[in-house]
Amino acid sequence: MTKVAAIDCGTNSIRLLIAEPNGSSGLIDLERRLEIVRLGQGVDANGEFHPDALRRTFAAVDEYAGLIKKAGVPVEKVHFVATSAARDAKNRDSFFAGIRQRLGVEPDVISGEAEARLSFVGALSRVTPDNEPVLVMDIGGGSTELIAGSAAGEMRSAISLDIGSVRVTERFLKQNPVAENDLEQAATYVDDLLAGSGVDFGGVGSWIGVAGTSTTLAGVYLKLERYDRERVHGARIPLPAIAELLHRLAGLTVEEIRALPSMHPGRADVITGGALVATRIAARMPVADLLVSESDILDGIALQLLDQ
């Protein structure tokens, strides 16, 4: 049976999915891994990858290469996708060379539109929205994708905005607890980008959140004793609760956030920035809640590999 390996390398995390077809246009997960490597460390300010960020990323890729080899995935069924940070960095040739050396494949630095399309397909592969149109939100470290379309997976519009948990944190949220003035400046910045995005927020029928910010907020909202992928998938966060989560996180130190039972320690210093983006989008939403999906761009990459 065909096996595929999808790697999503973002601004904050690098993730691996090894999967095979389930016989009905879906996936069977064989391996899912996540490492917080903060590849985008300082990219927004300096325009290039920090040597420490490259070292952390290459160490994770070494581990993933071993898992891919052990699973017997052929090299032509390995797809390494790099997103926001790799689009912005001046020294990305060093990054590309390191990935080629470890995996034997060329990194694919996809456009924001391609990232959005893969996230949309992935999100809808394992959840069923209540109403149409559907808006899928993918808050990453460096960018946020907003994709609108049908419940059947037909994408109608997509936009990638330069707002993400790492980028917002590095620009505005210099400390935790967050100063009220810093929070207001960040909110104004995000609001201005959302206002100019062209997205018809008022017409949304279902709102789906994918990737680290949404899933992490779901874990905290559910008061999980440890992160549980099965419980997070399909969870619903009422809109008022998103603003409450931001208020709570903004009032804590990074150490206090890191101590939350379901919190990934590598997200503790940037989750407040991600929560701020989610809150500003929530303020424009006519729906009752955010539906959280554990299926996302990784699933979209894997499904695309199986279709080829």
Protein backbone atom coordinates (compact mmCIF):
# COMPACT_ATOMS: atom_id res chain seq x y z
CA MET A 1 0.00 0.00 0.00
CA THR A 2 1.24 3.51 -0.88
CA LYS A 3 2.66 5.46 2.02
CA VAL A 4 3.28 9.20 1.95
CA ALA A 5 5.16 11.62 4.18
CA ALA A 6 4.12 15.26 4.52
CA ILE A 7 6.26 17.80 6.35
CA ASP A 8 4.98 21.27 7.16
CA CYS A 9 7.73 23.66 8.21
CA GLY A 10 6.29 26.89 9.53
CA THR A 11 7.52 29.91 11.44
CA ASN A 12 7.08 28.29 14.85
CA SER A 13 6.82 24.52 14.39
CA ILE A 14 7.80 21.70 12.07
CA ARG A 15 5.38 18.79 11.78
CA LEU A 16 5.40 15.37 10.15
CA LEU A 17 2.55 13.15 8.97
CA ILE A 18 3.21 9.67 7.61
CA ALA A 19 -0.02 8.18 6.29
CA GLU A 20 -1.61 5.70 3.91
CA PRO A 21 -5.02 5.71 2.17
CA ASN A 22 -8.01 4.38 4.10
CA GLY A 23 -9.79 3.12 0.98
CA SER A 24 -12.46 5.85 0.92
CA SER A 25 -10.60 9.03 -0.10
CA GLY A 26 -9.25 9.58 3.41
CA LEU A 27 -6.12 8.90 5.43
CA ILE A 28 -4.90 6.48 8.05
CA ASP A 29 -2.30 8.15 10.26
CA LEU A 30 0.80 6.05 10.80
CA GLU A 31 2.87 8.75 12.52
CA ARG A 32 2.30 12.36 13.58
CA ARG A 33 5.06 14.43 15.14
CA LEU A 34 5.50 18.07 16.11
CA GLU A 35 8.56 19.97 17.22
CA ILE A 36 8.65 23.65 18.15
CA VAL A 37 11.80 24.91 16.39
CA ARG A 38 10.99 28.63 15.99
CA LEU A 39 12.51 28.77 12.51
CA GLY A 40 11.17 32.31 12.20
CA GLN A 41 13.19 33.59 15.17
CA GLY A 42 14.09 37.17 14.31
CA VAL A 43 13.14 36.86 10.61
CA ASP A 44 10.57 39.65 10.89
CA ALA A 45 13.18 42.03 12.33
CA ASN A 46 16.38 40.89 10.57
CA GLY A 47 15.17 39.30 7.34
CA GLU A 48 17.17 36.08 7.74
CA PHE A 49 17.27 32.80 9.61
CA HIS A 50 19.15 32.77 12.92
CA PRO A 51 21.87 30.06 13.10
CA ASP A 52 20.26 28.62 16.25
CA ALA A 53 16.91 28.37 14.47
CA LEU A 54 18.51 26.45 11.61
CA ARG A 55 20.23 24.08 14.04
CA ARG A 56 16.95 23.34 15.84
CA THR A 57 15.13 22.77 12.56
CA PHE A 58 17.82 20.49 11.10
CA ALA A 59 17.83 18.40 14.30
CA ALA A 60 14.09 17.84 13.95
CA VAL A 61 14.45 16.99 10.24
CA ASP A 62 17.15 14.42 11.08
CA GLU A 63 14.65 12.71 13.38
CA TYR A 64 11.87 12.86 10.78
CA ALA A 65 14.19 11.44 8.08
CA GLY A 66 14.76 8.40 10.30
CA LEU A 67 11.03 7.87 10.80
CA ILE A 68 10.35 8.21 7.06
CA LYS A 69 13.05 5.68 6.24
CA LYS A 70 11.78 3.27 8.89
CA ALA A 71 8.23 3.51 7.48
CA GLY A 72 9.49 2.71 3.97
CA VAL A 73 8.14 5.84 2.29
CA PRO A 74 9.67 6.26 -1.20
CA VAL A 75 11.43 9.57 -1.74
CA GLU A 76 9.00 10.56 -4.51
CA LYS A 77 6.19 10.39 -1.94
CA VAL A 78 7.88 12.82 0.46
CA HIS A 79 6.79 16.46 0.26
CA PHE A 80 8.50 19.13 2.38
CA VAL A 81 6.47 22.34 2.44
CA ALA A 82 7.90 25.57 3.87
CA THR A 83 5.66 28.53 4.51
CA SER A 84 5.84 32.08 5.88
CA ALA A 85 9.36 32.29 7.36
CA ALA A 86 11.01 30.68 4.33
CA ARG A 87 9.24 33.12 2.02
CA ASP A 88 10.74 36.05 3.93
CA ALA A 89 14.33 34.96 4.72
CA LYS A 90 17.30 36.25 2.69
CA ASN A 91 19.57 33.32 3.59
CA ARG A 92 17.13 30.58 2.68
CA ASP A 93 19.70 28.84 0.42
CA SER A 94 21.42 27.50 3.56
CA PHE A 95 18.07 26.21 4.75
CA PHE A 96 17.34 24.54 1.38
CA ALA A 97 20.75 22.85 1.31
CA GLY A 98 20.28 21.42 4.79
CA ILE A 99 16.89 19.95 3.91
CA ARG A 100 18.14 18.44 0.65
CA GLN A 101 21.06 16.83 2.48
CA ARG A 102 18.81 15.24 5.09
CA LEU A 103 15.74 14.20 3.07
CA GLY A 104 16.88 14.03 -0.52
CA VAL A 105 14.01 16.27 -1.62
CA GLU A 106 13.75 19.91 -2.65
CA PRO A 107 11.88 22.10 -0.14
CA ASP A 108 8.74 23.57 -1.66
CA VAL A 109 8.27 27.18 -0.55
CA ILE A 110 4.61 27.53 -1.31
CA SER A 111 2.69 30.74 -1.82
CA GLY A 112 0.14 31.96 0.69
CA GLU A 113 -2.61 30.94 -1.74
CA ALA A 114 -1.25 27.38 -2.06
CA GLU A 115 -0.91 27.19 1.72
CA ALA A 116 -4.52 28.29 2.06
CA ARG A 117 -5.79 25.72 -0.44
CA LEU A 118 -4.00 22.85 1.30
CA SER A 119 -5.26 24.00 4.71
CA PHE A 120 -8.83 24.18 3.42
CA VAL A 121 -8.76 20.70 1.90
CA GLY A 122 -7.12 19.29 5.02
CA ALA A 123 -9.53 20.96 7.43
CA LEU A 124 -12.62 19.64 5.67
CA SER A 125 -11.23 16.12 5.31
CA ARG A 126 -12.28 15.15 8.85
CA VAL A 127 -14.93 17.62 10.05
CA THR A 128 -18.43 18.47 8.80
CA PRO A 129 -19.42 22.14 9.09
CA ASP A 130 -22.95 23.11 10.13
CA ASN A 131 -23.65 25.75 7.49
CA GLU A 132 -22.19 27.42 4.43
CA PRO A 133 -20.15 29.29 3.47
CA VAL A 134 -17.25 27.95 5.50
CA LEU A 135 -14.34 30.09 6.69
CA VAL A 136 -11.18 28.17 7.64
CA MET A 137 -8.70 30.06 9.80
CA ASP A 138 -5.07 28.94 10.05
CA ILE A 139 -3.13 31.13 12.49
CA GLY A 140 0.53 30.25 12.05
CA GLY A 141 3.64 31.77 13.53
CA GLY A 142 4.23 34.28 10.75
CA SER A 143 0.98 34.49 8.83
CA THR A 144 -2.74 33.82 9.06
CA GLU A 145 -4.64 32.18 6.21
CA LEU A 146 -8.35 32.86 5.79
CA ILE A 147 -10.05 30.59 3.29
CA ALA A 148 -13.72 30.68 2.31
CA GLY A 149 -15.59 28.01 0.38
CA SER A 150 -18.20 25.30 0.41
CA ALA A 151 -18.66 22.40 2.78
CA ALA A 152 -17.83 20.11 -0.15
CA GLY A 153 -14.30 21.55 -0.31
CA GLU A 154 -14.68 24.05 -3.16
CA MET A 155 -12.43 27.00 -2.31
CA ARG A 156 -13.87 30.34 -3.38
CA SER A 157 -11.42 32.85 -1.92
CA ALA A 158 -8.22 32.83 0.08
CA ILE A 159 -5.93 35.41 1.59
CA SER A 160 -2.70 35.22 3.58
CA LEU A 161 -2.10 38.05 6.05
CA ASP A 162 1.22 38.88 7.71
CA ILE A 163 -0.15 38.35 11.21
CA GLY A 164 0.78 35.30 13.25
CA SER A 165 1.57 34.34 16.83
CA VAL A 166 5.35 34.85 16.53
CA ARG A 167 5.15 37.97 14.36
CA VAL A 168 2.58 39.70 16.62
CA THR A 169 4.52 38.74 19.73
CA GLU A 170 7.88 39.99 18.42
CA ARG A 171 6.40 43.28 17.20
CA PHE A 172 4.04 44.19 20.01
CA LEU A 173 3.89 41.86 23.01
CA LYS A 174 7.31 42.36 24.55
CA GLN A 175 6.46 40.89 27.94
CA ASN A 176 3.99 38.74 29.83
CA PRO A 177 1.84 39.86 31.57
CA VAL A 178 1.10 42.05 28.56
CA ALA A 179 0.87 45.81 29.01
CA GLU A 180 -2.60 47.10 28.12
CA ASN A 181 -1.15 49.64 25.68
CA ASP A 182 0.80 46.91 23.85
CA LEU A 183 -2.35 44.80 23.58
CA GLU A 184 -4.27 47.74 22.14
CA GLN A 185 -1.56 48.51 19.58
CA ALA A 186 -1.47 44.88 18.46
CA ALA A 187 -5.28 44.78 18.20
CA THR A 188 -5.31 47.95 16.07
CA TYR A 189 -2.68 46.51 13.75
CA VAL A 190 -4.58 43.23 13.33
CA ASP A 191 -7.91 45.04 12.89
CA ASP A 192 -6.48 47.23 10.12
CA LEU A 193 -5.25 44.17 8.18
CA LEU A 194 -8.55 42.34 8.64
CA ALA A 195 -10.52 45.41 7.51
CA GLY A 196 -8.51 45.54 4.28
CA SER A 197 -8.57 41.79 3.67
CA GLY A 198 -11.73 41.73 1.56
CA VAL A 199 -13.09 38.77 3.56
CA ASP A 200 -16.88 38.81 4.02
CA PHE A 201 -16.82 37.92 7.71
CA GLY A 202 -20.49 38.84 8.17
CA GLY A 203 -21.63 36.22 5.68
CA VAL A 204 -19.82 33.25 7.26
CA GLY A 205 -21.97 30.21 8.09
CA SER A 206 -19.33 28.05 9.80
CA TRP A 207 -15.95 29.01 11.26
CA ILE A 208 -13.24 26.35 11.50
CA GLY A 209 -9.88 26.83 13.20
CA VAL A 210 -6.87 24.65 12.38
CA ALA A 211 -3.24 24.45 13.51
CA GLY A 212 -1.41 25.34 16.72
CA THR A 213 -3.17 28.47 17.99
CA SER A 214 -6.69 27.06 17.60
CA THR A 215 -5.87 23.62 18.95
CA THR A 216 -3.88 25.04 21.88
CA LEU A 217 -6.71 27.42 22.83
CA ALA A 218 -9.13 24.48 22.67
CA GLY A 219 -6.97 22.49 25.09
CA VAL A 220 -6.92 25.37 27.57
CA TYR A 221 -10.67 26.04 27.15
CA LEU A 222 -11.47 22.37 27.78
CA LYS A 223 -9.22 22.42 30.89
CA LEU A 224 -7.46 19.26 29.75
CA GLU A 225 -5.08 17.67 32.23
CA ARG A 226 -2.82 16.90 29.27
CA TYR A 227 -3.12 17.65 25.57
CA ASP A 228 -5.51 15.14 23.97
CA ARG A 229 -5.77 15.26 20.19
CA GLU A 230 -8.98 13.20 20.18
CA ARG A 231 -10.77 15.57 22.55
CA VAL A 232 -9.51 18.71 20.84
CA HIS A 233 -10.65 17.55 17.38
CA GLY A 234 -14.23 18.71 16.86
CA ALA A 235 -14.26 20.85 20.01
CA ARG A 236 -16.26 24.07 19.90
CA ILE A 237 -15.15 27.28 21.60
CA PRO A 238 -17.97 29.83 22.09
CA LEU A 239 -16.99 33.26 20.78
CA PRO A 240 -17.09 35.02 24.19
CA ALA A 241 -14.74 32.34 25.56
CA ILE A 242 -12.07 33.25 22.98
CA ALA A 243 -11.89 36.81 24.31
CA GLU A 244 -11.85 35.42 27.86
CA LEU A 245 -8.91 33.17 26.97
CA LEU A 246 -6.97 36.15 25.61
CA HIS A 247 -7.69 38.15 28.76
CA ARG A 248 -6.53 35.25 30.93
CA LEU A 249 -3.35 34.56 28.97
CA ALA A 250 -2.43 38.25 28.73
CA GLY A 251 -2.48 38.44 32.54
CA LEU A 252 -0.08 35.53 33.08
CA THR A 253 3.68 35.27 32.96
CA VAL A 254 5.23 32.95 30.36
CA GLU A 255 6.12 30.57 33.18
CA GLU A 256 2.49 30.50 34.35
CA ILE A 257 1.28 29.87 30.79
CA ARG A 258 3.83 27.09 30.38
CA ALA A 259 2.47 25.49 33.56
CA LEU A 260 -1.04 25.11 32.11
CA PRO A 261 -1.53 21.33 31.88
CA SER A 262 -2.30 21.07 28.17
CA MET A 263 0.16 23.76 27.01
CA HIS A 264 3.03 22.77 24.73
CA PRO A 265 6.02 24.48 26.40
CA GLY A 266 7.26 25.80 23.05
CA ARG A 267 4.04 27.73 22.47
CA ALA A 268 3.87 29.41 25.88
CA ASP A 269 5.62 32.64 24.86
CA VAL A 270 3.60 33.20 21.66
CA ILE A 271 0.11 31.81 22.37
CA THR A 272 -1.09 35.21 23.65
CA GLY A 273 -0.26 36.71 20.25
CA GLY A 274 -2.16 33.92 18.51
CA ALA A 275 -5.12 34.37 20.86
CA LEU A 276 -5.18 38.08 20.02
CA VAL A 277 -5.48 37.34 16.30
CA ALA A 278 -8.26 34.81 16.96
CA THR A 279 -10.10 37.30 19.18
CA ARG A 280 -10.04 40.06 16.58
CA ILE A 281 -11.42 37.67 13.94
CA ALA A 282 -14.04 36.41 16.40
CA ALA A 283 -15.24 39.99 16.91
CA ARG A 284 -16.32 40.03 13.25
CA MET A 285 -18.07 36.65 13.26
CA PRO A 286 -21.88 36.12 13.12
CA VAL A 287 -21.60 32.48 14.25
CA ALA A 288 -21.86 31.07 17.78
CA ASP A 289 -18.55 29.28 18.05
CA LEU A 290 -15.22 28.23 16.58
CA LEU A 291 -15.10 24.59 15.43
CA VAL A 292 -11.57 23.25 16.00
CA SER A 293 -10.07 20.71 13.59
CA GLU A 294 -6.91 18.68 14.13
CA SER A 295 -6.80 18.00 10.38
CA ASP A 296 -5.06 20.80 8.52
CA ILE A 297 -2.39 21.56 5.93
CA LEU A 298 -0.52 18.31 6.73
CA ASP A 299 -3.60 16.31 5.75
CA GLY A 300 -3.97 18.43 2.63
CA ILE A 301 -0.35 17.73 1.60
CA ALA A 302 -0.76 14.00 2.24
CA LEU A 303 -4.01 13.80 0.26
CA GLN A 304 -2.36 15.67 -2.62
CA LEU A 305 0.53 13.15 -2.62
CA LEU A 306 -1.93 10.24 -2.78
CA ASP A 307 -3.74 11.87 -5.72
CA GLN A 308 -0.52 12.18 -7.76
